[in-house]
């Protein structure tokens, strides 16, 4: 290349720069793309939990290809409120490619699967050890002989460039009680260790949570704006936060285990980004990500396993008032050991002289979703995808697209109904309008209960539902049919494609 440049300078000096740029661009275009560097980040666990939080069902190791194996701490997590069981969870960060090895420590096994199937992770077994390769960060469930209740959850994330540094040679023996951050500063850092206290955040604050940090108290995000929470760490036995009367809030990356109730509650807030939230809960009323009268909400790249509804979108309840608008949920895995993966609209405002305005839920989009489980014992509430309009709510303009439902223990693929139950409602909903299901598939074995679309009466109907390439066990829904799809007389404009 140096000879070429000298020749160009001697023979065509006025045109040297253009020629050099041309050849440089040509060589750059022809050069093979550089592969991403393989990097691995394992977070030491706080020493005080060494025995209290460990699950010995599996021994899990990870490495970059050709590198040394590193042991991971296997956390014990409770699942399934019907009969709580002990499952396992590991987490780490990486770039490029990593290899994992999982040893089952109790009993023999005949097969192993890694879900969701759409992630395309194929395990191999050698000498009783399960090996698989990850080429991008994903959130996965490793299951032996179809045991969904004692599985291994694997949560991974790309290595964050902006996370504050900690000593490179830190070990679990060095980590005890963490230092309480200074919440008066614009940057708040939860370093390695166990943290508890009153974590009330101010406006215009960025919060970093180290991967070796464990928070035992929730964040309080109330009446503030412009707050970012960037987490590689754990919330143990508590929810992440209640976000109330706030705007421009980003929650990115927390892992939440063993919380007694829900993972996060968002109330009368706007412009929310909920990204890479990984949560496993078996507590009573342990909804995952709950929303009341919120607008402009994005949920992405998350894994939500609960013993109640995974994602909820409601309006009025208690002292909460308002509408739900402009929701996007994408690239996420949902697992409802009990109740629904998605629940929309059961709570709202039945007009009264004090509060005369009925409420609306509109423009909700759900795309590229894996639903690993749905189990609902009460037939009235069944539905992995549930729109249950109550309390004079109007639900309209909803899209479910590219949804894969893997297993239904007891329940329906979807249930769209004008709802009234004395336990929760003071009136039926006003209506459900303009709902599309496109490329929605129940791929599991067996047959769930028939999906349902039901209005209330001639004034409170379900209108304009489009069912486009929806299948149950390989059978396409092309018309109402016994055992597949039930529709009552108060449904107008049902279209099949």
Protein backbone atom coordinates (compact mmCIF):
# COMPACT_ATOMS: atom_id res chain seq x y z
CA UNK A 1 0.00 0.00 0.00
CA UNK A 2 2.91 2.41 0.71
CA UNK A 3 4.29 1.83 -2.86
CA UNK A 4 0.89 2.63 -4.32
CA UNK A 5 0.65 5.88 -2.34
CA UNK A 6 4.18 6.97 -3.47
CA UNK A 7 3.31 6.28 -7.11
CA UNK A 8 0.11 8.29 -6.89
CA UNK A 9 1.93 11.23 -5.31
CA UNK A 10 4.60 11.29 -8.09
CA UNK A 11 2.39 10.74 -11.13
CA UNK A 12 -0.87 12.51 -10.15
CA UNK A 13 -0.15 14.83 -7.27
CA UNK A 14 -3.24 17.05 -7.82
CA UNK A 15 -5.47 13.98 -7.60
CA UNK A 16 -3.61 12.11 -4.82
CA UNK A 17 -6.14 12.63 -2.04
CA UNK A 18 -9.16 11.40 -4.04
CA UNK A 19 -7.29 8.31 -5.26
CA UNK A 20 -6.05 7.43 -1.79
CA UNK A 21 -9.54 7.78 -0.36
CA UNK A 22 -10.97 5.66 -3.17
CA UNK A 23 -8.49 2.81 -2.65
CA UNK A 24 -8.77 3.00 1.13
CA UNK A 25 -12.55 2.73 0.89
CA UNK A 26 -12.28 -0.17 -1.53
CA UNK A 27 -9.93 -2.13 0.73
CA UNK A 28 -12.16 -1.41 3.74
CA UNK A 29 -15.21 -2.65 1.89
CA UNK A 30 -13.47 -5.86 0.82
CA UNK A 31 -11.95 -6.62 4.23
CA UNK A 32 -13.86 -9.19 6.30
CA UNK A 33 -16.02 -7.75 9.09
CA UNK A 34 -14.33 -7.96 12.48
CA UNK A 35 -16.02 -10.37 14.82
CA UNK A 36 -17.17 -8.97 18.14
CA UNK A 37 -14.62 -9.49 20.89
CA UNK A 38 -15.54 -12.29 23.25
CA UNK A 39 -15.73 -10.83 26.75
CA UNK A 40 -17.27 -12.22 29.94
CA UNK A 41 -18.27 -10.42 33.14
CA UNK A 42 -19.15 -12.55 36.18
CA UNK A 43 -20.39 -10.77 39.31
CA UNK A 44 -19.26 -12.04 42.75
CA UNK A 45 -22.14 -12.57 45.16
CA UNK A 46 -22.27 -10.79 48.56
CA UNK A 47 -20.68 -13.07 51.15
CA UNK A 48 -23.56 -12.77 53.72
CA UNK A 49 -25.88 -14.68 51.35
CA UNK A 50 -23.38 -17.47 50.64
CA UNK A 51 -25.60 -20.14 52.22
CA UNK A 52 -28.98 -18.43 52.61
CA UNK A 53 -29.66 -17.87 48.90
CA UNK A 54 -27.93 -20.80 47.22
CA UNK A 55 -29.60 -23.64 45.33
CA UNK A 56 -27.50 -26.77 44.83
CA UNK A 57 -29.68 -28.40 42.15
CA UNK A 58 -27.21 -27.40 39.44
CA UNK A 59 -23.55 -26.54 39.05
CA UNK A 60 -23.26 -23.88 36.35
CA UNK A 61 -20.09 -22.64 34.66
CA UNK A 62 -19.38 -20.21 31.82
CA UNK A 63 -16.38 -19.26 29.69
CA UNK A 64 -15.37 -17.51 26.51
CA UNK A 65 -14.46 -20.11 23.87
CA UNK A 66 -11.08 -21.58 24.73
CA UNK A 67 -10.91 -19.76 28.05
CA UNK A 68 -11.02 -20.96 31.64
CA UNK A 69 -14.35 -22.04 33.08
CA UNK A 70 -15.80 -19.72 35.75
CA UNK A 71 -18.27 -20.91 38.38
CA UNK A 72 -21.53 -19.04 38.80
CA UNK A 73 -23.53 -18.62 42.01
CA UNK A 74 -26.84 -20.45 41.62
CA UNK A 75 -29.57 -18.39 43.33
CA UNK A 76 -32.63 -20.07 44.84
CA UNK A 77 -35.89 -18.60 43.51
CA UNK A 78 -39.46 -19.52 44.42
CA UNK A 79 -41.94 -20.23 41.62
CA UNK A 80 -45.66 -21.08 41.35
CA UNK A 81 -47.91 -19.93 44.20
CA UNK A 82 -50.17 -22.99 43.71
CA UNK A 83 -47.47 -25.01 45.45
CA UNK A 84 -44.24 -22.99 45.73
CA UNK A 85 -41.17 -24.81 44.48
CA UNK A 86 -37.46 -24.07 44.46
CA UNK A 87 -36.00 -23.21 41.08
CA UNK A 88 -32.58 -21.76 40.21
CA UNK A 89 -31.21 -18.62 38.56
CA UNK A 90 -27.79 -17.47 37.35
CA UNK A 91 -26.79 -14.22 35.67
CA UNK A 92 -23.79 -12.64 33.98
CA UNK A 93 -22.89 -10.19 31.22
CA UNK A 94 -21.00 -10.85 28.00
CA UNK A 95 -20.14 -9.62 24.51
CA UNK A 96 -19.53 -11.85 21.52
CA UNK A 97 -19.83 -15.58 22.28
CA UNK A 98 -19.78 -17.63 25.47
CA UNK A 99 -20.14 -21.30 26.29
CA UNK A 100 -22.11 -22.68 29.22
CA UNK A 101 -21.92 -25.98 31.11
CA UNK A 102 -24.76 -27.18 33.37
CA UNK A 103 -24.46 -30.18 35.64
CA UNK A 104 -27.64 -31.58 37.18
CA UNK A 105 -26.77 -32.65 40.71
CA UNK A 106 -29.85 -34.62 41.75
CA UNK A 107 -30.96 -37.64 39.76
CA UNK A 108 -30.65 -38.78 36.17
CA UNK A 109 -32.30 -37.19 33.14
CA UNK A 110 -33.18 -38.33 29.65
CA UNK A 111 -33.55 -35.00 27.83
CA UNK A 112 -32.94 -31.30 28.25
CA UNK A 113 -34.51 -28.30 26.52
CA UNK A 114 -33.69 -24.61 26.44
CA UNK A 115 -36.70 -22.31 26.05
CA UNK A 116 -37.99 -20.19 24.41
CA UNK A 117 -37.61 -22.38 21.32
CA UNK A 118 -37.52 -19.28 19.14
CA UNK A 119 -34.12 -18.35 20.59
CA UNK A 120 -32.63 -21.33 18.78
CA UNK A 121 -30.34 -22.53 21.60
CA UNK A 122 -29.56 -26.23 21.11
CA UNK A 123 -27.96 -28.06 24.04
CA UNK A 124 -25.62 -31.03 23.75
CA UNK A 125 -24.94 -33.63 26.46
CA UNK A 126 -21.46 -35.05 27.02
CA UNK A 127 -20.64 -37.28 29.99
CA UNK A 128 -23.79 -36.14 31.76
CA UNK A 129 -22.99 -32.41 31.40
CA UNK A 130 -25.17 -30.11 29.31
CA UNK A 131 -23.31 -27.69 27.05
CA UNK A 132 -24.65 -24.87 24.90
CA UNK A 133 -23.37 -21.71 23.23
CA UNK A 134 -24.78 -18.19 23.47
CA UNK A 135 -23.98 -15.79 20.64
CA UNK A 136 -26.02 -12.90 21.96
CA UNK A 137 -27.42 -12.00 25.38
CA UNK A 138 -30.72 -13.77 26.05
CA UNK A 139 -32.96 -14.77 28.94
CA UNK A 140 -33.57 -18.51 28.97
CA UNK A 141 -35.04 -21.46 30.85
CA UNK A 142 -33.07 -24.72 30.99
CA UNK A 143 -35.40 -27.65 31.73
CA UNK A 144 -34.66 -31.32 32.40
CA UNK A 145 -37.32 -33.87 31.44
CA UNK A 146 -39.95 -31.13 31.04
CA UNK A 147 -39.68 -30.07 34.68
CA UNK A 148 -40.84 -26.44 34.59
CA UNK A 149 -40.88 -26.02 38.36
CA UNK A 150 -37.26 -26.86 39.22
CA UNK A 151 -35.68 -25.30 36.16
CA UNK A 152 -32.60 -23.14 35.75
CA UNK A 153 -33.15 -19.52 34.65
CA UNK A 154 -30.22 -17.97 32.77
CA UNK A 155 -30.26 -14.16 32.58
CA UNK A 156 -27.63 -12.36 30.52
CA UNK A 157 -26.93 -8.84 29.35
CA UNK A 158 -24.32 -7.11 27.22
CA UNK A 159 -21.41 -5.62 29.17
CA UNK A 160 -22.21 -2.00 30.00
CA UNK A 161 -19.60 0.58 29.05
CA UNK A 162 -20.84 3.25 31.45
CA UNK A 163 -21.11 1.29 34.69
CA UNK A 164 -18.80 2.73 37.43
CA UNK A 165 -15.72 0.58 37.97
CA UNK A 166 -15.04 -1.56 41.05
CA UNK A 167 -11.81 -3.38 41.98
CA UNK A 168 -11.00 -5.95 39.31
CA UNK A 169 -9.91 -8.59 41.83
CA UNK A 170 -13.04 -8.30 43.99
CA UNK A 171 -14.22 -11.61 45.49
CA UNK A 172 -17.32 -12.62 47.43
CA UNK A 173 -15.32 -12.57 50.67
CA UNK A 174 -14.77 -8.83 50.14
CA UNK A 175 -18.49 -8.03 49.79
CA UNK A 176 -20.68 -7.41 52.82
CA UNK A 177 -22.91 -4.45 53.60
CA UNK A 178 -22.79 -1.85 50.86
CA UNK A 179 -22.18 1.86 51.33
CA UNK A 180 -25.35 3.99 51.21
CA UNK A 181 -25.25 6.27 48.16
CA UNK A 182 -25.64 10.04 48.34
CA UNK A 183 -29.09 10.73 46.86
CA UNK A 184 -28.46 14.48 46.63
CA UNK A 185 -26.03 13.93 43.74
CA UNK A 186 -27.02 13.68 40.06
CA UNK A 187 -25.29 10.27 39.82
CA UNK A 188 -26.12 7.61 42.43
CA UNK A 189 -24.10 4.39 42.61
CA UNK A 190 -25.02 1.23 44.50
CA UNK A 191 -21.69 -0.58 44.72
CA UNK A 192 -21.08 -4.23 45.65
CA UNK A 193 -22.84 -5.33 48.83
CA UNK A 194 -26.26 -5.57 50.45
CA UNK A 195 -28.22 -2.31 50.62
CA UNK A 196 -31.34 -1.35 52.55
CA UNK A 197 -32.86 1.99 53.52
CA UNK A 198 -35.04 4.78 52.14
CA UNK A 199 -34.07 5.02 48.47
CA UNK A 200 -36.03 8.10 47.41
CA UNK A 201 -34.85 9.44 44.05
CA UNK A 202 -34.75 13.05 42.90
CA UNK A 203 -35.42 14.45 39.45
CA UNK A 204 -32.61 14.53 36.88
CA UNK A 205 -30.81 11.58 38.49
CA UNK A 206 -28.98 8.59 37.01
CA UNK A 207 -28.75 5.52 39.25
CA UNK A 208 -26.21 2.75 38.63
CA UNK A 209 -26.50 -0.62 40.40
CA UNK A 210 -23.43 -2.84 40.28
CA UNK A 211 -23.78 -6.52 39.38
CA UNK A 212 -22.61 -7.50 42.88
CA UNK A 213 -25.16 -5.25 44.59
CA UNK A 214 -28.29 -6.63 46.26
CA UNK A 215 -31.05 -4.17 47.19
CA UNK A 216 -33.37 -5.13 50.04
CA UNK A 217 -35.51 -1.97 49.73
CA UNK A 218 -37.34 -0.60 46.69
CA UNK A 219 -36.62 2.62 44.87
CA UNK A 220 -39.14 5.40 45.45
CA UNK A 221 -39.87 7.30 42.22
CA UNK A 222 -42.66 9.73 43.11
CA UNK A 223 -43.38 13.10 41.56
CA UNK A 224 -40.09 13.30 39.66
CA UNK A 225 -38.86 13.50 36.07
CA UNK A 226 -35.82 12.51 34.03
CA UNK A 227 -34.63 9.53 36.10
CA UNK A 228 -32.58 6.62 34.73
CA UNK A 229 -31.91 3.40 36.64
CA UNK A 230 -29.17 1.28 35.01
CA UNK A 231 -28.79 -2.02 36.85
CA UNK A 232 -26.66 -5.14 36.65
CA UNK A 233 -27.69 -6.13 40.18
CA UNK A 234 -30.45 -7.78 42.19
CA UNK A 235 -33.55 -6.75 44.08
CA UNK A 236 -34.22 -9.45 46.68
CA UNK A 237 -37.53 -9.82 48.53
CA UNK A 238 -38.82 -6.43 47.35
CA UNK A 239 -40.25 -4.79 44.25
CA UNK A 240 -38.07 -2.56 42.10
CA UNK A 241 -40.15 0.57 42.52
CA UNK A 242 -43.49 2.29 42.53
CA UNK A 243 -43.40 4.98 39.85
CA UNK A 244 -46.08 7.54 40.59
CA UNK A 245 -46.92 10.93 39.04
CA UNK A 246 -43.60 10.91 37.21
CA UNK A 247 -42.35 11.28 33.64
CA UNK A 248 -39.32 10.42 31.51
CA UNK A 249 -38.30 7.38 33.58
CA UNK A 250 -35.99 4.60 32.34
CA UNK A 251 -35.63 1.30 34.24
CA UNK A 252 -32.97 -0.86 32.56
CA UNK A 253 -31.67 -4.21 33.68
CA UNK A 254 -32.75 -5.12 37.23
CA UNK A 255 -33.19 -8.74 38.29
CA UNK A 256 -35.95 -9.26 40.86
CA UNK A 257 -36.36 -12.44 42.93
CA UNK A 258 -38.51 -13.64 45.82
CA UNK A 259 -40.62 -10.48 46.00
CA UNK A 260 -43.76 -10.99 48.13
CA UNK A 261 -46.04 -9.15 45.70
CA UNK A 262 -45.47 -7.40 42.38
CA UNK A 263 -42.28 -6.47 40.54
CA UNK A 264 -43.05 -2.86 39.65
CA UNK A 265 -46.11 -0.61 39.73
CA UNK A 266 -46.49 2.44 37.48
CA UNK A 267 -49.22 4.93 38.35
CA UNK A 268 -50.41 8.03 36.46
CA UNK A 269 -47.01 8.45 34.79
CA UNK A 270 -45.83 9.19 31.26
CA UNK A 271 -42.89 8.37 28.98
CA UNK A 272 -41.72 5.18 30.67
CA UNK A 273 -39.07 2.79 29.33
CA UNK A 274 -38.94 -0.61 31.06
CA UNK A 275 -36.07 -2.52 29.50
CA UNK A 276 -34.32 -5.81 30.23
CA UNK A 277 -36.28 -6.42 33.44
CA UNK A 278 -35.86 -10.01 34.63
CA UNK A 279 -38.21 -11.11 37.41
CA UNK A 280 -39.30 -14.35 39.10
CA UNK A 281 -42.06 -14.19 41.71
CA UNK A 282 -44.30 -16.61 43.59
CA UNK A 283 -45.94 -14.29 46.09
CA UNK A 284 -49.66 -13.60 46.38
CA UNK A 285 -50.80 -10.88 43.94
CA UNK A 286 -47.31 -10.99 42.47
CA UNK A 287 -48.15 -9.20 39.22
CA UNK A 288 -45.11 -8.47 37.13
CA UNK A 289 -45.14 -5.01 35.55
CA UNK A 290 -48.38 -3.26 36.52
CA UNK A 291 -49.66 -0.04 34.96
CA UNK A 292 -52.51 2.22 36.05
CA UNK A 293 -53.47 5.21 33.87
CA UNK A 294 -50.05 5.52 32.22
CA UNK A 295 -49.22 6.89 28.77
CA UNK A 296 -46.36 6.31 26.35
CA UNK A 297 -44.94 3.12 27.83
CA UNK A 298 -42.31 0.88 26.22
CA UNK A 299 -41.46 -2.58 27.59
CA UNK A 300 -38.67 -4.49 25.82
CA UNK A 301 -36.15 -7.33 26.13
CA UNK A 302 -37.58 -8.59 29.41
CA UNK A 303 -38.35 -11.92 31.10
CA UNK A 304 -41.32 -11.90 33.47
CA UNK A 305 -42.31 -15.01 35.45
CA UNK A 306 -45.08 -14.48 37.99
CA UNK A 307 -47.81 -16.14 40.03
CA UNK A 308 -50.28 -13.52 38.85
CA UNK A 309 -50.60 -11.50 35.64
CA UNK A 310 -47.26 -10.80 33.97
CA UNK A 311 -48.23 -7.46 32.38
CA UNK A 312 -51.27 -5.41 33.35
CA UNK A 313 -52.81 -2.23 31.97
CA UNK A 314 -55.64 -0.67 33.94
CA UNK A 315 -57.20 2.73 34.60
CA UNK A 316 -58.95 3.90 37.77
CA UNK A 317 -58.45 2.03 41.02
CA UNK A 318 -58.16 3.34 44.59
CA UNK A 319 -57.03 6.98 44.28
CA UNK A 320 -55.85 6.55 40.67
CA UNK A 321 -57.64 8.21 37.75
CA UNK A 322 -56.92 8.58 34.06
CA UNK A 323 -56.46 6.82 30.72
CA UNK A 324 -53.97 4.34 29.28
CA UNK A 325 -52.49 5.22 25.88
CA UNK A 326 -49.63 4.36 23.52
CA UNK A 327 -48.14 1.17 24.92
CA UNK A 328 -45.46 -0.88 23.10
CA UNK A 329 -44.37 -4.32 24.37
CA UNK A 330 -41.78 -6.16 22.29
CA UNK A 331 -39.08 -8.85 22.30
CA UNK A 332 -40.12 -10.21 25.69
CA UNK A 333 -40.76 -13.57 27.37
CA UNK A 334 -43.76 -14.01 29.69
CA UNK A 335 -44.45 -16.93 32.03
CA UNK A 336 -47.62 -16.92 34.12
CA UNK A 337 -47.51 -19.81 36.59
CA UNK A 338 -50.92 -18.45 37.61
CA UNK A 339 -53.22 -16.08 35.67
CA UNK A 340 -52.54 -14.20 32.41
CA UNK A 341 -49.49 -13.22 30.43
CA UNK A 342 -51.28 -10.00 29.37
CA UNK A 343 -54.31 -8.50 31.10
CA UNK A 344 -55.99 -5.33 29.83
CA UNK A 345 -58.85 -3.23 31.09
CA UNK A 346 -60.63 -4.83 34.04
CA UNK A 347 -60.29 -1.77 36.32
CA UNK A 348 -61.66 1.67 35.40
CA UNK A 349 -64.07 4.43 36.40
CA UNK A 350 -67.80 3.84 36.41
CA UNK A 351 -69.04 7.46 36.07
CA UNK A 352 -70.46 9.14 39.17
CA UNK A 353 -71.35 12.78 39.86
CA UNK A 354 -67.97 13.20 41.58
CA UNK A 355 -66.05 11.57 38.73
CA UNK A 356 -68.23 11.72 35.59
CA UNK A 357 -65.61 10.74 32.98
CA UNK A 358 -65.45 7.17 31.70
CA UNK A 359 -61.93 6.07 30.76
CA UNK A 360 -60.16 4.69 27.68
CA UNK A 361 -57.32 2.25 26.98
CA UNK A 362 -56.07 2.72 23.43
CA UNK A 363 -53.19 2.10 21.05
CA UNK A 364 -51.55 -0.93 22.68
CA UNK A 365 -49.04 -2.94 20.62
CA UNK A 366 -47.58 -6.35 21.54
CA UNK A 367 -45.02 -7.92 19.19
CA UNK A 368 -42.47 -10.75 19.18
CA UNK A 369 -43.58 -12.24 22.48
CA UNK A 370 -42.90 -15.75 23.80
CA UNK A 371 -45.44 -16.99 26.37
CA UNK A 372 -43.99 -20.05 28.08
CA UNK A 373 -46.89 -20.80 30.43
CA UNK A 374 -50.50 -19.89 31.19
CA UNK A 375 -52.48 -21.48 34.03
CA UNK A 376 -55.78 -20.05 35.25
CA UNK A 377 -58.07 -22.23 37.38
CA UNK A 378 -61.11 -19.91 37.18
CA UNK A 379 -62.79 -20.35 33.76
CA UNK A 380 -64.23 -16.83 33.86
CA UNK A 381 -60.73 -15.34 33.80
CA UNK A 382 -58.92 -17.71 31.43
CA UNK A 383 -56.84 -16.26 28.60
CA UNK A 384 -53.10 -16.01 28.01
CA UNK A 385 -53.99 -12.80 26.16
CA UNK A 386 -56.81 -11.15 28.07
CA UNK A 387 -58.87 -8.07 27.27
CA UNK A 388 -61.54 -7.85 29.95
CA UNK A 389 -63.19 -4.45 29.73
CA UNK A 390 -64.91 -3.57 32.99
CA UNK A 391 -66.00 -0.43 34.87
CA UNK A 392 -67.16 1.43 31.72
CA UNK A 393 -63.72 1.16 30.15
CA UNK A 394 -63.47 1.37 26.37
CA UNK A 395 -60.54 -0.67 25.01
CA UNK A 396 -59.63 0.07 21.40
CA UNK A 397 -56.88 -0.22 18.81
CA UNK A 398 -54.94 -3.24 20.14
CA UNK A 399 -52.47 -5.34 18.13
CA UNK A 400 -51.07 -8.75 19.10
CA UNK A 401 -48.47 -9.73 16.50
CA UNK A 402 -45.90 -12.53 16.24
CA UNK A 403 -46.90 -14.21 19.52
CA UNK A 404 -45.83 -17.76 20.37
CA UNK A 405 -47.60 -19.57 23.24
CA UNK A 406 -45.68 -22.64 24.32
CA UNK A 407 -47.75 -24.25 27.08
CA UNK A 408 -51.23 -23.85 28.55
CA UNK A 409 -51.81 -25.90 31.67
CA UNK A 410 -55.37 -24.69 32.04
CA UNK A 411 -56.76 -21.77 30.09
CA UNK A 412 -57.38 -20.21 26.69
CA UNK A 413 -55.18 -18.71 24.00
CA UNK A 414 -57.15 -15.46 24.21
CA UNK A 415 -60.26 -14.08 25.87
CA UNK A 416 -61.78 -10.76 24.76
CA UNK A 417 -64.87 -9.93 26.77
CA UNK A 418 -66.99 -7.15 28.19
CA UNK A 419 -66.56 -8.06 31.84
CA UNK A 420 -68.49 -7.58 35.02
CA UNK A 421 -67.60 -9.37 38.22
CA UNK A 422 -68.97 -8.27 41.57
CA UNK A 423 -65.57 -8.89 43.13
CA UNK A 424 -63.82 -6.25 41.00
CA UNK A 425 -66.32 -4.16 39.02
CA UNK A 426 -69.11 -1.67 39.50
CA UNK A 427 -70.28 -1.87 35.86
CA UNK A 428 -69.48 -3.73 32.63
CA UNK A 429 -67.12 -2.13 30.15
CA UNK A 430 -68.38 0.17 27.39
CA UNK A 431 -66.78 -1.82 24.60
CA UNK A 432 -63.82 -3.40 22.85
CA UNK A 433 -63.01 -2.15 19.36
CA UNK A 434 -60.46 -2.69 16.59
CA UNK A 435 -58.38 -5.60 17.85
CA UNK A 436 -56.00 -7.53 15.57
CA UNK A 437 -54.31 -10.88 16.20
CA UNK A 438 -51.70 -11.56 13.53
CA UNK A 439 -49.34 -14.55 13.46
CA UNK A 440 -50.39 -15.80 16.89
CA UNK A 441 -49.72 -19.49 17.53
CA UNK A 442 -50.28 -21.97 20.31
CA UNK A 443 -47.55 -24.49 19.57
CA UNK A 444 -47.80 -26.75 22.62
CA UNK A 445 -49.19 -30.24 22.79
CA UNK A 446 -52.78 -30.82 23.85
CA UNK A 447 -55.78 -28.53 23.49
CA UNK A 448 -56.53 -25.47 25.62
CA UNK A 449 -60.09 -24.38 26.29
CA UNK A 450 -61.77 -22.61 23.39
CA UNK A 451 -60.78 -18.98 22.86
CA UNK A 452 -63.64 -16.55 23.43
CA UNK A 453 -64.94 -13.22 22.12
CA UNK A 454 -68.02 -12.05 24.00
CA UNK A 455 -69.93 -8.79 24.31
CA UNK A 456 -72.30 -7.86 27.14
CA UNK A 457 -75.50 -6.64 25.40
CA UNK A 458 -76.62 -4.61 22.41
CA UNK A 459 -75.08 -1.43 23.79
CA UNK A 460 -71.80 -2.91 25.09
CA UNK A 461 -70.29 -4.89 22.24
CA UNK A 462 -67.01 -6.21 20.89
CA UNK A 463 -66.49 -4.70 17.43
CA UNK A 464 -64.05 -5.21 14.56
CA UNK A 465 -61.75 -8.07 15.56
CA UNK A 466 -59.38 -9.37 12.89
CA UNK A 467 -57.91 -12.86 13.24
CA UNK A 468 -55.02 -13.19 10.78
CA UNK A 469 -53.05 -16.46 10.72
CA UNK A 470 -53.89 -17.63 14.23
CA UNK A 471 -53.43 -21.34 15.00
CA UNK A 472 -54.11 -23.65 17.93
CA UNK A 473 -52.19 -26.91 17.78
CA UNK A 474 -51.74 -26.45 14.05
CA UNK A 475 -55.46 -25.72 13.43
CA UNK A 476 -56.08 -22.32 11.87
CA UNK A 477 -58.93 -20.25 13.27
CA UNK A 478 -61.09 -19.49 10.23
CA UNK A 479 -64.55 -19.27 11.81
CA UNK A 480 -66.20 -19.78 15.19
CA UNK A 481 -65.97 -23.48 15.98
CA UNK A 482 -66.74 -25.71 18.95
CA UNK A 483 -63.64 -26.33 21.02
CA UNK A 484 -61.61 -23.66 19.20
CA UNK A 485 -63.40 -20.30 19.21
CA UNK A 486 -66.65 -19.26 20.91
CA UNK A 487 -68.42 -16.03 19.94
CA UNK A 488 -71.72 -14.68 21.31
CA UNK A 489 -74.41 -12.49 19.71
CA UNK A 490 -72.87 -9.20 20.83
CA UNK A 491 -69.85 -9.30 18.51
CA UNK A 492 -69.87 -7.23 15.31
CA UNK A 493 -67.30 -7.28 12.52
CA UNK A 494 -65.31 -10.49 13.09
CA UNK A 495 -62.85 -10.99 10.22
CA UNK A 496 -60.58 -13.96 9.40
CA UNK A 497 -57.53 -13.93 7.14
